[in-house]
Amino acid sequence: MQKNSNSGATTGSDHRTIIEGCRGDFPVLERTFHDKPLVYLDSAATSQKPREVIDVEAEFYRRSNANVHRGVYALSEEATELYEHARERAARFLHVRDPEEIIFVRGTTEALNLVATSLGRADLHAGDRVVSTEMEHHSNIVPWHFLRKYPGIELEFIGLTEEGELVPADIERLVRPGTKVTTLTHVSNVLGTLNPVAEIAERAHDAGSLVVLDAAQSAPHIPVDVEKLGVDFVAFSGHKVYGPTGIGVLWGRKELLKRMAPYMGGGEMIMNVEKGDVSYKDPPYRFEAGTPNVAGAVTMSAALDYVDRIGYDAIASHDAALVAHAWAVLGETFGKKIRLYGPPPERGHIGVVSFAIEGVHPHDLASLLDEEGIAIRAGHHCAQLVMKRYKVPAMARASYGIYNRSDDTAALVTALQKVAGFLAR
């Protein structure tokens, strides 16, 4: 991969050169399926991994594997140093000054459950209002539903426009004094919508509300700067950002983390245990019960280094070009027979293109595309409120990573024409 020195101005040509040089870093793209080269268009579900990231995980297990924080021998101290370096790396990724505000979790789902559960124990009471949106992944809906049962919070949802953006009047109506938590996604995993997080956060704070941000879909495509966004909690998953599965990050402001109750009990998070009482360590360890995914944290750190070397200017430029091209070509090819979901690219549309073709069920479409070597996602995408808003049972979704090219979209369109023609008979 050609490295981005981040020195001086870069041009569109520079960005293309950087991106073109990285496709060969991903060994899975060398595979064929059904005698066809793999066209991987499901990065919103999970990204593929570059060789150097894969090698870091293998190297950790070959040379540095030990439990962390608990051993006084050299190997354990080495593993601990690598683990804490990964915490520092995640802090830099989110533009966080204090690494002790970084908590390692299994992924965005666990992070959002942790926040909801711990805030529910510490700060939320019957009748308190939590505001979410209709475009959320289930991971940012279901944990708050748990709190509707106990302790009995009120949960309300900002609606969606026909083009997949948040309804401004709903933001004004719902994010008001008395709202305790406002929780939303940075980028929709179905619609590709880039939400105006900083503006919503400012309004929420003026109303006395905390702000929880799901950055699972934004982190692979655009910078996530917690100070510029003005939020109180951020969650993202390593496997979306070219890292391993089973590892993710929750960032929270330290003053909030200190007053929050532990999410799980066990080893590492304990200060002292008596028969009649227990006391807990300070964050982040208060929220990291049990043996952590040390290899995952170390490997995710390497993935964040990889993303940083490419640079978000190049990544964002590449993504915008892919989405705009796919949006245009699909619309031109299928005309009124296709519906494209989400805002048009010029209004902020990131990473995914979800669509439905008249007379073709998305599940049938995805199955037949697989015969052409093309991997897309079909279903409700863990976002059933989106499906209900647009009155469809499912959508087909093509989602892009740094390894995709316009040729992948061309292959998708050719295969869609073939499949749609076959199913229309």
Protein backbone atom coordinates (compact mmCIF):
# COMPACT_ATOMS: atom_id res chain seq x y z
CA MET A 1 0.00 0.00 0.00
CA GLN A 2 1.25 3.46 -0.82
CA LYS A 3 1.46 5.56 2.31
CA ASN A 4 -0.02 9.00 2.74
CA SER A 5 2.60 11.22 4.29
CA ASN A 6 -0.05 13.81 5.23
CA SER A 7 2.44 16.50 4.25
CA GLY A 8 1.26 19.27 1.96
CA ALA A 9 -1.92 19.43 -0.08
CA THR A 10 -3.26 16.37 -1.82
CA THR A 11 -5.22 16.32 -5.05
CA GLY A 12 -7.95 14.04 -6.35
CA SER A 13 -5.27 12.27 -8.35
CA ASP A 14 -3.23 11.72 -5.17
CA HIS A 15 -6.28 10.26 -3.46
CA ARG A 16 -6.92 7.85 -6.32
CA THR A 17 -3.30 6.71 -6.28
CA ILE A 18 -3.42 6.05 -2.53
CA ILE A 19 -6.66 4.07 -2.80
CA GLU A 20 -5.67 2.11 -5.91
CA GLY A 21 -2.56 0.94 -4.11
CA CYS A 22 -4.48 -0.70 -1.26
CA ARG A 23 -6.76 -3.16 -3.07
CA GLY A 24 -4.03 -5.78 -3.27
CA ASP A 25 -3.68 -5.67 0.52
CA PHE A 26 -6.88 -7.71 0.97
CA PRO A 27 -6.30 -11.43 0.30
CA VAL A 28 -9.96 -12.48 0.40
CA LEU A 29 -10.55 -10.48 -2.79
CA GLU A 30 -8.37 -13.00 -4.63
CA ARG A 31 -11.05 -15.67 -4.13
CA THR A 32 -13.64 -16.84 -6.63
CA PHE A 33 -17.16 -18.11 -5.98
CA HIS A 34 -19.17 -20.11 -8.51
CA ASP A 35 -16.19 -19.66 -10.86
CA LYS A 36 -16.61 -15.89 -10.68
CA PRO A 37 -14.25 -13.38 -9.04
CA LEU A 38 -15.58 -12.14 -5.71
CA VAL A 39 -17.25 -8.74 -5.82
CA TYR A 40 -17.63 -7.85 -2.15
CA LEU A 41 -20.32 -5.23 -1.55
CA ASP A 42 -21.19 -5.89 2.08
CA SER A 43 -18.70 -3.76 4.00
CA ALA A 44 -21.43 -2.17 6.11
CA ALA A 45 -21.94 -5.61 7.66
CA THR A 46 -18.23 -6.23 8.08
CA SER A 47 -15.13 -5.01 6.30
CA GLN A 48 -12.44 -7.23 4.87
CA LYS A 49 -9.01 -7.23 6.50
CA PRO A 50 -5.64 -6.26 5.03
CA ARG A 51 -2.73 -8.69 5.30
CA GLU A 52 -0.81 -6.52 7.73
CA VAL A 53 -3.74 -6.51 10.15
CA ILE A 54 -4.19 -10.27 9.86
CA ASP A 55 -0.46 -10.71 10.48
CA VAL A 56 -0.57 -8.61 13.66
CA GLU A 57 -3.15 -10.92 15.25
CA ALA A 58 -1.15 -14.01 14.32
CA GLU A 59 2.06 -12.41 15.60
CA PHE A 60 0.44 -11.53 18.93
CA TYR A 61 -0.51 -15.16 19.53
CA ARG A 62 2.89 -16.37 18.37
CA ARG A 63 4.93 -14.05 20.57
CA SER A 64 3.00 -12.01 23.14
CA ASN A 65 -0.04 -13.95 24.33
CA ALA A 66 -0.67 -13.65 28.08
CA ASN A 67 -3.36 -12.30 30.35
CA VAL A 68 -3.04 -8.61 31.09
CA HIS A 69 -2.74 -6.56 34.28
CA ARG A 70 -2.49 -9.66 36.48
CA GLY A 71 0.96 -11.10 35.91
CA VAL A 72 4.28 -9.81 37.23
CA TYR A 73 6.25 -11.83 34.69
CA ALA A 74 7.72 -10.30 31.54
CA LEU A 75 5.32 -11.86 29.02
CA SER A 76 2.26 -10.57 30.87
CA GLU A 77 3.82 -7.14 31.18
CA GLU A 78 4.49 -7.13 27.44
CA ALA A 79 0.88 -8.07 26.67
CA THR A 80 -0.34 -5.39 29.05
CA GLU A 81 1.82 -2.77 27.37
CA LEU A 82 0.43 -3.72 23.96
CA TYR A 83 -3.14 -3.65 25.29
CA GLU A 84 -2.76 -0.22 26.86
CA HIS A 85 -1.03 1.08 23.75
CA ALA A 86 -4.16 0.00 21.84
CA ARG A 87 -6.23 2.07 24.27
CA GLU A 88 -4.05 5.09 23.55
CA ARG A 89 -4.40 4.42 19.81
CA ALA A 90 -8.19 4.32 20.05
CA ALA A 91 -8.11 7.60 21.97
CA ARG A 92 -6.13 9.27 19.20
CA PHE A 93 -8.54 7.86 16.61
CA LEU A 94 -11.45 9.60 18.34
CA HIS A 95 -9.41 12.73 19.16
CA VAL A 96 -9.71 11.97 22.88
CA ARG A 97 -7.15 13.48 25.23
CA ASP A 98 -7.46 10.98 28.09
CA PRO A 99 -7.05 7.27 27.20
CA GLU A 100 -8.80 6.35 30.46
CA GLU A 101 -12.04 7.45 28.80
CA ILE A 102 -11.68 4.54 26.33
CA ILE A 103 -13.43 1.29 27.24
CA PHE A 104 -12.87 -1.87 25.24
CA VAL A 105 -16.03 -3.83 24.48
CA ARG A 106 -17.03 -6.54 21.99
CA GLY A 107 -18.46 -4.00 19.58
CA THR A 108 -20.99 -1.22 19.13
CA THR A 109 -23.85 -3.40 20.35
CA GLU A 110 -22.21 -4.07 23.70
CA ALA A 111 -21.14 -0.44 24.01
CA LEU A 112 -24.69 0.85 23.56
CA ASN A 113 -26.07 -1.78 25.94
CA LEU A 114 -23.46 -0.74 28.49
CA VAL A 115 -24.45 2.92 28.27
CA ALA A 116 -28.18 2.23 28.43
CA THR A 117 -27.86 -0.22 31.32
CA SER A 118 -25.44 1.87 33.36
CA LEU A 119 -27.30 5.13 32.81
CA GLY A 120 -30.50 3.30 33.61
CA ARG A 121 -29.09 2.29 36.98
CA ALA A 122 -27.55 5.65 37.79
CA ASP A 123 -29.53 8.45 36.16
CA LEU A 124 -32.82 7.32 34.59
CA HIS A 125 -36.09 6.99 36.45
CA ALA A 126 -39.74 6.31 35.66
CA GLY A 127 -41.09 8.98 33.35
CA ASP A 128 -37.72 10.20 32.12
CA ARG A 129 -37.60 10.74 28.37
CA VAL A 130 -35.12 9.18 25.94
CA VAL A 131 -35.22 10.34 22.31
CA SER A 132 -33.95 8.17 19.47
CA THR A 133 -34.63 8.10 15.72
CA GLU A 134 -36.46 5.86 13.28
CA MET A 135 -33.25 5.20 11.34
CA GLU A 136 -31.44 3.44 14.20
CA HIS A 137 -29.93 -0.01 14.11
CA HIS A 138 -31.66 -2.30 16.61
CA SER A 139 -28.55 -2.02 18.80
CA ASN A 140 -29.57 1.56 19.54
CA ILE A 141 -33.25 0.80 20.06
CA VAL A 142 -33.60 -2.48 21.93
CA PRO A 143 -31.43 -1.54 24.96
CA TRP A 144 -33.60 1.53 25.51
CA HIS A 145 -36.72 -0.61 25.18
CA PHE A 146 -35.40 -2.67 28.08
CA LEU A 147 -35.58 0.52 30.13
CA ARG A 148 -39.22 1.02 29.17
CA LYS A 149 -39.92 -2.09 31.24
CA TYR A 150 -37.60 -1.06 34.06
CA PRO A 151 -37.36 1.61 35.33
CA GLY A 152 -40.18 2.77 33.02
CA ILE A 153 -38.70 5.49 30.84
CA GLU A 154 -40.55 7.13 27.97
CA LEU A 155 -39.01 6.44 24.55
CA GLU A 156 -39.81 8.65 21.56
CA PHE A 157 -38.52 8.66 17.98
CA ILE A 158 -37.57 11.38 15.53
CA GLY A 159 -39.18 10.48 12.21
CA LEU A 160 -37.79 10.23 8.68
CA THR A 161 -38.56 12.25 5.59
CA GLU A 162 -39.36 10.52 2.33
CA GLU A 163 -35.71 10.97 1.29
CA GLY A 164 -34.34 9.46 4.47
CA GLU A 165 -33.37 12.45 6.58
CA LEU A 166 -34.49 13.30 10.10
CA VAL A 167 -37.65 15.38 10.27
CA PRO A 168 -36.57 18.85 11.52
CA ALA A 169 -39.89 19.51 13.24
CA ASP A 170 -39.54 16.29 15.22
CA ILE A 171 -36.08 17.33 16.42
CA GLU A 172 -37.51 20.63 17.65
CA ARG A 173 -40.54 18.95 19.22
CA LEU A 174 -38.79 16.07 20.97
CA VAL A 175 -35.32 17.33 21.90
CA ARG A 176 -36.57 19.69 24.59
CA PRO A 177 -36.17 20.28 28.34
CA GLY A 178 -37.02 17.09 30.18
CA THR A 179 -35.22 14.87 27.67
CA LYS A 180 -32.52 12.98 29.59
CA VAL A 181 -30.81 11.15 26.71
CA THR A 182 -30.70 11.81 22.96
CA THR A 183 -29.25 8.84 21.10
CA LEU A 184 -28.68 8.61 17.37
CA THR A 185 -26.57 7.17 14.61
CA HIS A 186 -23.88 9.23 12.90
CA VAL A 187 -24.53 7.50 9.54
CA SER A 188 -27.48 5.23 8.78
CA ASN A 189 -26.54 1.64 7.95
CA VAL A 190 -29.48 1.46 5.52
CA LEU A 191 -30.01 4.94 4.11
CA GLY A 192 -26.44 6.24 4.18
CA THR A 193 -27.73 9.46 5.75
CA LEU A 194 -25.10 11.64 7.44
CA ASN A 195 -26.87 13.20 10.39
CA PRO A 196 -26.16 16.77 11.64
CA VAL A 197 -24.81 15.45 14.93
CA ALA A 198 -23.10 18.62 16.16
CA GLU A 199 -26.25 20.69 15.71
CA ILE A 200 -28.45 18.09 17.42
CA ALA A 201 -25.93 17.71 20.25
CA GLU A 202 -25.90 21.45 20.87
CA ARG A 203 -29.68 21.53 21.03
CA ALA A 204 -29.75 18.47 23.29
CA HIS A 205 -27.24 19.93 25.73
CA ASP A 206 -29.19 23.18 25.85
CA ALA A 207 -32.18 21.04 26.88
CA GLY A 208 -30.15 19.26 29.58
CA SER A 209 -29.84 15.98 27.65
CA LEU A 210 -26.87 13.67 27.31
CA VAL A 211 -25.97 12.60 23.75
CA VAL A 212 -25.06 9.04 22.77
CA LEU A 213 -23.65 8.47 19.27
CA ASP A 214 -23.51 5.23 17.28
CA ALA A 215 -20.48 5.68 15.00
CA ALA A 216 -20.32 2.11 13.70
CA GLN A 217 -21.08 3.17 10.12
CA SER A 218 -19.28 6.50 10.10
CA ALA A 219 -15.89 5.42 11.48
CA PRO A 220 -14.84 3.54 8.30
CA HIS A 221 -15.60 6.56 6.10
CA ILE A 222 -15.18 9.88 7.90
CA PRO A 223 -13.33 11.21 10.97
CA VAL A 224 -15.07 10.85 14.32
CA ASP A 225 -13.88 13.75 16.47
CA VAL A 226 -15.72 13.68 19.78
CA GLU A 227 -14.98 17.29 20.64
CA LYS A 228 -16.13 18.68 17.30
CA LEU A 229 -19.26 16.54 17.43
CA GLY A 230 -19.98 17.67 20.98
CA VAL A 231 -21.38 14.33 22.17
CA ASP A 232 -21.04 12.55 25.52
CA PHE A 233 -20.62 8.93 24.41
CA VAL A 234 -19.40 7.36 21.15
CA ALA A 235 -19.36 3.69 20.13
CA PHE A 236 -17.75 1.98 17.16
CA SER A 237 -16.74 -1.56 16.13
CA GLY A 238 -13.30 -2.75 15.07
CA HIS A 239 -14.60 -5.10 12.40
CA LYS A 240 -16.17 -2.24 10.43
CA VAL A 241 -12.82 -0.39 10.32
CA TYR A 242 -10.76 -3.18 8.71
CA GLY A 243 -10.02 -4.76 12.09
CA PRO A 244 -11.07 -8.00 13.79
CA THR A 245 -14.49 -9.06 15.03
CA GLY A 246 -15.26 -9.17 18.73
CA ILE A 247 -13.65 -5.86 19.66
CA GLY A 248 -14.95 -2.32 19.80
CA VAL A 249 -14.71 0.93 21.69
CA LEU A 250 -16.94 2.96 23.93
CA TRP A 251 -15.79 6.48 24.70
CA GLY A 252 -17.46 8.47 27.44
CA ARG A 253 -16.69 11.67 29.28
CA LYS A 254 -14.81 10.74 32.45
CA GLU A 255 -17.11 12.63 34.80
CA LEU A 256 -20.02 10.57 33.45
CA LEU A 257 -18.16 7.25 33.54
CA LYS A 258 -17.16 7.81 37.15
CA ARG A 259 -20.75 8.06 38.32
CA MET A 260 -22.03 5.15 36.23
CA ALA A 261 -22.53 1.70 37.75
CA PRO A 262 -20.60 -1.30 36.41
CA TYR A 263 -22.20 -3.16 33.53
CA MET A 264 -20.88 -6.62 34.51
CA GLY A 265 -19.20 -8.03 37.59
CA GLY A 266 -16.14 -10.25 37.83
CA GLY A 267 -12.41 -10.06 37.68
CA GLU A 268 -10.39 -6.93 36.88
CA MET A 269 -13.18 -4.45 37.64
CA ILE A 270 -13.06 -5.05 41.41
CA MET A 271 -11.22 -2.97 43.98
CA ASN A 272 -12.27 -4.95 47.05
CA VAL A 273 -14.70 -7.75 47.87
CA GLU A 274 -16.19 -8.35 51.29
CA LYS A 275 -19.04 -10.62 52.29
CA GLY A 276 -21.21 -7.58 52.88
CA ASP A 277 -20.02 -5.22 50.16
CA VAL A 278 -17.89 -4.68 47.07
CA SER A 279 -16.04 -1.68 45.69
CA TYR A 280 -15.02 -1.04 42.11
CA LYS A 281 -12.05 0.32 40.22
CA ASP A 282 -12.19 3.64 38.42
CA PRO A 283 -12.98 3.71 34.69
CA PRO A 284 -12.06 2.27 32.29
CA TYR A 285 -11.39 -0.95 34.22
CA ARG A 286 -14.71 -0.70 36.06
CA PHE A 287 -16.36 -1.62 32.76
CA GLU A 288 -13.92 -4.32 31.58
CA ALA A 289 -14.84 -7.33 33.70
CA GLY A 290 -13.08 -10.60 32.91
CA THR A 291 -10.27 -11.43 30.53
CA PRO A 292 -10.41 -8.88 27.71
CA ASN A 293 -9.94 -9.52 24.01
CA VAL A 294 -6.29 -8.50 24.14
CA ALA A 295 -5.45 -9.78 20.66
CA GLY A 296 -8.50 -8.00 19.27
CA ALA A 297 -7.51 -4.67 20.81
CA VAL A 298 -3.92 -4.98 19.58
CA THR A 299 -5.08 -5.95 16.09
CA MET A 300 -7.68 -3.17 15.95
CA SER A 301 -4.88 -0.74 16.80
CA ALA A 302 -3.05 -1.92 13.67
CA ALA A 303 -6.23 -1.46 11.62
CA LEU A 304 -6.56 2.13 12.85
CA ASP A 305 -2.93 2.71 11.87
CA TYR A 306 -3.76 1.35 8.41
CA VAL A 307 -6.74 3.69 8.03
CA ASP A 308 -4.65 6.62 9.23
CA ARG A 309 -1.93 5.97 6.66
CA ILE A 310 -4.47 5.99 3.84
CA GLY A 311 -6.03 9.13 5.27
CA TYR A 312 -9.66 10.17 5.58
CA ASP A 313 -9.37 12.71 2.79
CA ALA A 314 -8.65 9.89 0.36
CA ILE A 315 -11.18 7.53 1.94
CA ALA A 316 -14.01 10.09 1.92
CA SER A 317 -13.27 11.18 -1.64
CA HIS A 318 -13.24 7.58 -2.82
CA ASP A 319 -16.46 6.73 -0.99
CA ALA A 320 -18.29 9.78 -2.31
CA ALA A 321 -17.30 8.90 -5.87
CA LEU A 322 -18.41 5.28 -5.52
CA VAL A 323 -21.79 6.14 -4.00
CA ALA A 324 -22.52 8.90 -6.52
CA HIS A 325 -21.55 6.61 -9.41
CA ALA A 326 -23.69 3.72 -8.14
CA TRP A 327 -26.66 6.02 -7.50
CA ALA A 328 -26.46 7.45 -11.01
CA VAL A 329 -25.83 4.18 -12.88
CA LEU A 330 -28.54 2.24 -11.07
CA GLY A 331 -31.04 5.02 -11.69
CA GLU A 332 -30.12 5.36 -15.36
CA THR A 333 -30.16 1.61 -15.98
CA PHE A 334 -33.43 0.70 -14.29
CA GLY A 335 -35.36 3.97 -14.38
CA LYS A 336 -38.77 3.74 -12.76
CA LYS A 337 -38.27 0.03 -11.99
CA ILE A 338 -35.83 0.80 -9.19
CA ARG A 339 -36.26 2.75 -5.98
CA LEU A 340 -33.13 4.12 -4.35
CA TYR A 341 -33.41 4.87 -0.63
CA GLY A 342 -31.81 7.69 1.29
CA PRO A 343 -30.85 11.26 0.42
CA PRO A 344 -29.23 11.99 -2.93
CA PRO A 345 -25.42 11.90 -2.80
CA GLU A 346 -25.04 15.66 -3.02
CA ARG A 347 -26.84 16.03 0.34
CA GLY A 348 -24.61 13.63 2.23
CA HIS A 349 -24.93 9.92 1.54
CA ILE A 350 -22.18 7.67 2.85
CA GLY A 351 -21.06 4.10 2.32
CA VAL A 352 -24.24 2.31 1.22
CA VAL A 353 -26.78 2.26 -1.59
CA SER A 354 -30.04 0.51 -0.64
CA PHE A 355 -32.57 -0.25 -3.33
CA ALA A 356 -35.55 -2.29 -4.48
CA ILE A 357 -36.30 -3.44 -8.01
CA GLU A 358 -39.93 -3.67 -9.03
CA GLY A 359 -41.26 -7.21 -8.93
CA VAL A 360 -38.11 -8.73 -7.42
CA HIS A 361 -37.83 -9.69 -3.75
CA PRO A 362 -34.51 -8.56 -2.26
CA HIS A 363 -33.77 -12.03 -0.85
CA ASP A 364 -34.20 -13.63 -4.29
CA LEU A 365 -32.06 -10.90 -5.75
CA ALA A 366 -29.21 -11.46 -3.30
CA SER A 367 -29.29 -15.24 -3.74
CA LEU A 368 -29.07 -15.02 -7.51
CA LEU A 369 -26.38 -12.35 -7.38
CA ASP A 370 -24.32 -14.75 -5.31
CA GLU A 371 -24.32 -17.08 -8.33
CA GLU A 372 -22.54 -14.26 -10.16
CA GLY A 373 -19.93 -13.93 -7.42
CA ILE A 374 -21.48 -10.73 -6.05
CA ALA A 375 -21.99 -10.37 -2.30
CA ILE A 376 -24.66 -7.90 -1.22
CA ARG A 377 -26.94 -7.83 1.81
CA ALA A 378 -30.72 -8.24 1.72
CA GLY A 379 -33.22 -8.02 4.55
CA HIS A 380 -34.29 -5.51 7.16
CA HIS A 381 -30.64 -4.81 8.10
CA CYS A 382 -31.50 -4.76 11.83
CA ALA A 383 -33.46 -1.60 11.14
CA GLN A 384 -37.10 -2.62 11.10
CA LEU A 385 -38.34 0.89 11.86
CA VAL A 386 -36.82 1.99 8.55
CA MET A 387 -38.62 -0.82 6.73
CA LYS A 388 -41.91 0.11 8.40
CA ARG A 389 -41.41 3.77 7.50
CA TYR A 390 -41.10 2.91 3.81
CA LYS A 391 -43.64 0.07 3.92
CA VAL A 392 -41.31 -2.64 2.63
CA PRO A 393 -40.37 -6.00 4.16
CA ALA A 394 -36.75 -5.74 3.08
CA MET A 395 -34.23 -3.87 0.96
CA ALA A 396 -31.18 -4.87 -1.05
CA ARG A 397 -28.01 -3.06 0.01
CA ALA A 398 -24.65 -2.60 -1.68
CA SER A 399 -22.05 -1.17 0.66
CA TYR A 400 -18.55 -0.02 -0.12
CA GLY A 401 -15.07 -0.16 1.36
CA ILE A 402 -11.69 1.22 0.37
CA TYR A 403 -11.01 -1.87 -1.76
CA ASN A 404 -14.03 -1.36 -4.03
CA ARG A 405 -13.83 0.17 -7.49
CA SER A 406 -16.30 1.43 -10.08
CA ASP A 407 -15.78 -1.93 -11.81
CA ASP A 408 -17.58 -3.55 -8.86
CA THR A 409 -20.61 -1.37 -9.47
CA ALA A 410 -20.48 -2.22 -13.18
CA ALA A 411 -20.43 -5.93 -12.31
CA LEU A 412 -23.37 -5.39 -9.95
CA VAL A 413 -25.44 -3.60 -12.60
CA THR A 414 -24.71 -6.24 -15.26
CA ALA A 415 -25.68 -9.01 -12.86
CA LEU A 416 -28.81 -7.13 -11.76
CA GLN A 417 -29.94 -6.84 -15.36
CA LYS A 418 -29.47 -10.57 -15.83
CA VAL A 419 -31.18 -11.50 -12.57
CA ALA A 420 -34.07 -9.06 -12.97
CA GLY A 421 -34.67 -10.33 -16.48
CA PHE A 422 -34.69 -13.92 -15.27
CA LEU A 423 -37.09 -13.23 -12.39
CA ALA A 424 -39.41 -11.18 -14.59
CA ARG A 425 -40.12 -14.12 -16.90
